[in-house]
Amino acid sequence: MEQNEKIQYRSPLRRGELDPNRWRNTQIGMWAWLWQRISALAIIIFLGIHLTLPYRPLIQFLLLLTVTFHVVLGLRVILMDFGIVHTKYQKALVGGLAALGIVMFIIVWMGIY
């Protein structure tokens, strides 16, 4: 980058100001963090439902799906925290772990039913 070029930064939002397009610039790591927290709450809800209504295939399916999703995002965090995968490969890591999660989900679900 040349010395006379200036970097253009977006101005921060002020209180009460809304920018409907700001979410498009959010990094994948932030979305993964947010969805892992949401999946943790969903696990608690589905586990409570599963304990009150056992042996319901739909509830078992949703619980297993949510746990698999949560585990995939947790593996992403572990791999990045220990420096096994660099942050510039985050999108590929999420895609690869998602594919692994789908395969593992299918294997476990077919083993149950």
Protein backbone atom coordinates (compact mmCIF):
# COMPACT_ATOMS: atom_id res chain seq x y z
CA MET A 1 0.00 0.00 0.00
CA GLU A 2 1.38 3.38 -0.93
CA GLN A 3 2.00 6.09 1.61
CA ASN A 4 -0.48 8.55 0.10
CA GLU A 5 -3.39 6.05 0.06
CA LYS A 6 -5.75 6.33 3.01
CA ILE A 7 -7.73 3.46 4.42
CA GLN A 8 -11.46 4.13 4.47
CA TYR A 9 -13.10 2.95 7.68
CA ARG A 10 -16.82 2.86 8.35
CA SER A 11 -17.89 5.21 11.06
CA PRO A 12 -19.22 3.50 14.18
CA LEU A 13 -22.93 3.50 14.79
CA ARG A 14 -24.29 6.10 17.15
CA ARG A 15 -26.94 5.35 19.75
CA GLY A 16 -30.29 4.79 18.06
CA GLU A 17 -28.76 4.57 14.57
CA LEU A 18 -29.57 1.46 12.53
CA ASP A 19 -27.60 0.01 9.64
CA PRO A 20 -29.42 -2.93 8.05
CA ASN A 21 -26.33 -3.92 6.02
CA ARG A 22 -23.84 -4.03 8.90
CA TRP A 23 -24.45 -7.76 9.52
CA ARG A 24 -23.09 -8.58 6.05
CA ASN A 25 -19.61 -7.50 7.14
CA THR A 26 -19.64 -9.67 10.26
CA GLN A 27 -16.85 -12.24 10.25
CA ILE A 28 -17.68 -15.95 10.25
CA GLY A 29 -16.06 -16.37 13.68
CA MET A 30 -18.62 -14.06 15.26
CA TRP A 31 -21.50 -15.94 13.64
CA ALA A 32 -20.04 -19.25 14.82
CA TRP A 33 -19.74 -17.90 18.36
CA LEU A 34 -23.33 -16.64 18.31
CA TRP A 35 -24.77 -19.88 16.87
CA GLN A 36 -22.87 -21.99 19.37
CA ARG A 37 -24.49 -20.04 22.21
CA ILE A 38 -27.92 -20.39 20.61
CA SER A 39 -27.39 -24.13 20.12
CA ALA A 40 -26.40 -24.49 23.78
CA LEU A 41 -29.75 -23.00 24.81
CA ALA A 42 -31.54 -25.23 22.29
CA ILE A 43 -29.80 -28.29 23.76
CA ILE A 44 -31.13 -27.41 27.21
CA ILE A 45 -34.64 -26.97 25.84
CA PHE A 46 -34.60 -30.16 23.75
CA LEU A 47 -33.08 -32.15 26.62
CA GLY A 48 -35.91 -31.01 28.91
CA ILE A 49 -38.49 -31.96 26.31
CA HIS A 50 -36.72 -35.29 25.71
CA LEU A 51 -36.82 -36.12 29.42
CA THR A 52 -40.53 -35.39 29.67
CA LEU A 53 -41.47 -37.08 26.36
CA PRO A 54 -39.00 -39.95 25.85
CA TYR A 55 -38.83 -42.07 22.71
CA ARG A 56 -40.24 -39.46 20.36
CA PRO A 57 -38.26 -39.68 17.10
CA LEU A 58 -38.76 -36.01 16.18
CA ILE A 59 -37.45 -34.81 19.55
CA GLN A 60 -34.51 -37.24 19.38
CA PHE A 61 -33.75 -36.07 15.85
CA LEU A 62 -33.76 -32.39 16.84
CA LEU A 63 -31.68 -33.05 19.96
CA LEU A 64 -29.08 -35.04 18.01
CA LEU A 65 -28.99 -32.42 15.26
CA THR A 66 -28.48 -29.62 17.77
CA VAL A 67 -25.79 -31.50 19.69
CA THR A 68 -23.95 -32.30 16.45
CA PHE A 69 -24.09 -28.63 15.41
CA HIS A 70 -22.80 -27.55 18.83
CA VAL A 71 -19.97 -30.11 18.73
CA VAL A 72 -18.87 -29.01 15.25
CA LEU A 73 -18.64 -25.39 16.38
CA GLY A 74 -16.81 -26.49 19.54
CA LEU A 75 -14.25 -28.40 17.47
CA ARG A 76 -13.71 -25.25 15.42
CA VAL A 77 -12.93 -23.31 18.58
CA ILE A 78 -10.56 -26.01 19.87
CA LEU A 79 -8.66 -26.25 16.59
CA MET A 80 -8.25 -22.49 16.38
CA ASP A 81 -7.39 -21.94 20.06
CA PHE A 82 -4.57 -24.49 19.96
CA GLY A 83 -3.22 -22.96 16.77
CA ILE A 84 -3.80 -26.09 14.68
CA VAL A 85 -5.70 -24.08 12.06
CA HIS A 86 -4.93 -20.46 11.20
CA THR A 87 -7.74 -17.91 11.24
CA LYS A 88 -7.42 -17.21 7.52
CA TYR A 89 -8.71 -20.75 6.88
CA GLN A 90 -11.82 -20.29 9.04
CA LYS A 91 -14.33 -20.59 6.20
CA ALA A 92 -12.77 -23.79 4.92
CA LEU A 93 -12.62 -25.14 8.47
CA VAL A 94 -16.30 -24.42 9.06
CA GLY A 95 -17.21 -26.05 5.74
CA GLY A 96 -15.10 -29.13 6.40
CA LEU A 97 -16.39 -29.54 9.93
CA ALA A 98 -19.96 -29.07 8.71
CA ALA A 99 -19.46 -31.89 6.20
CA LEU A 100 -17.93 -34.07 8.93
CA GLY A 101 -20.86 -33.22 11.22
CA ILE A 102 -23.40 -34.22 8.58
CA VAL A 103 -21.64 -37.54 8.00
CA MET A 104 -21.42 -38.28 11.73
CA PHE A 105 -25.06 -37.26 12.22
CA ILE A 106 -26.19 -39.68 9.50
CA ILE A 107 -24.06 -42.50 10.90
CA VAL A 108 -25.42 -42.04 14.44
CA TRP A 109 -29.03 -41.57 13.29
CA MET A 110 -28.90 -44.70 11.13
CA GLY A 111 -27.43 -46.57 14.09
CA ILE A 112 -30.35 -45.52 16.29
CA TYR A 113 -33.11 -46.22 13.77
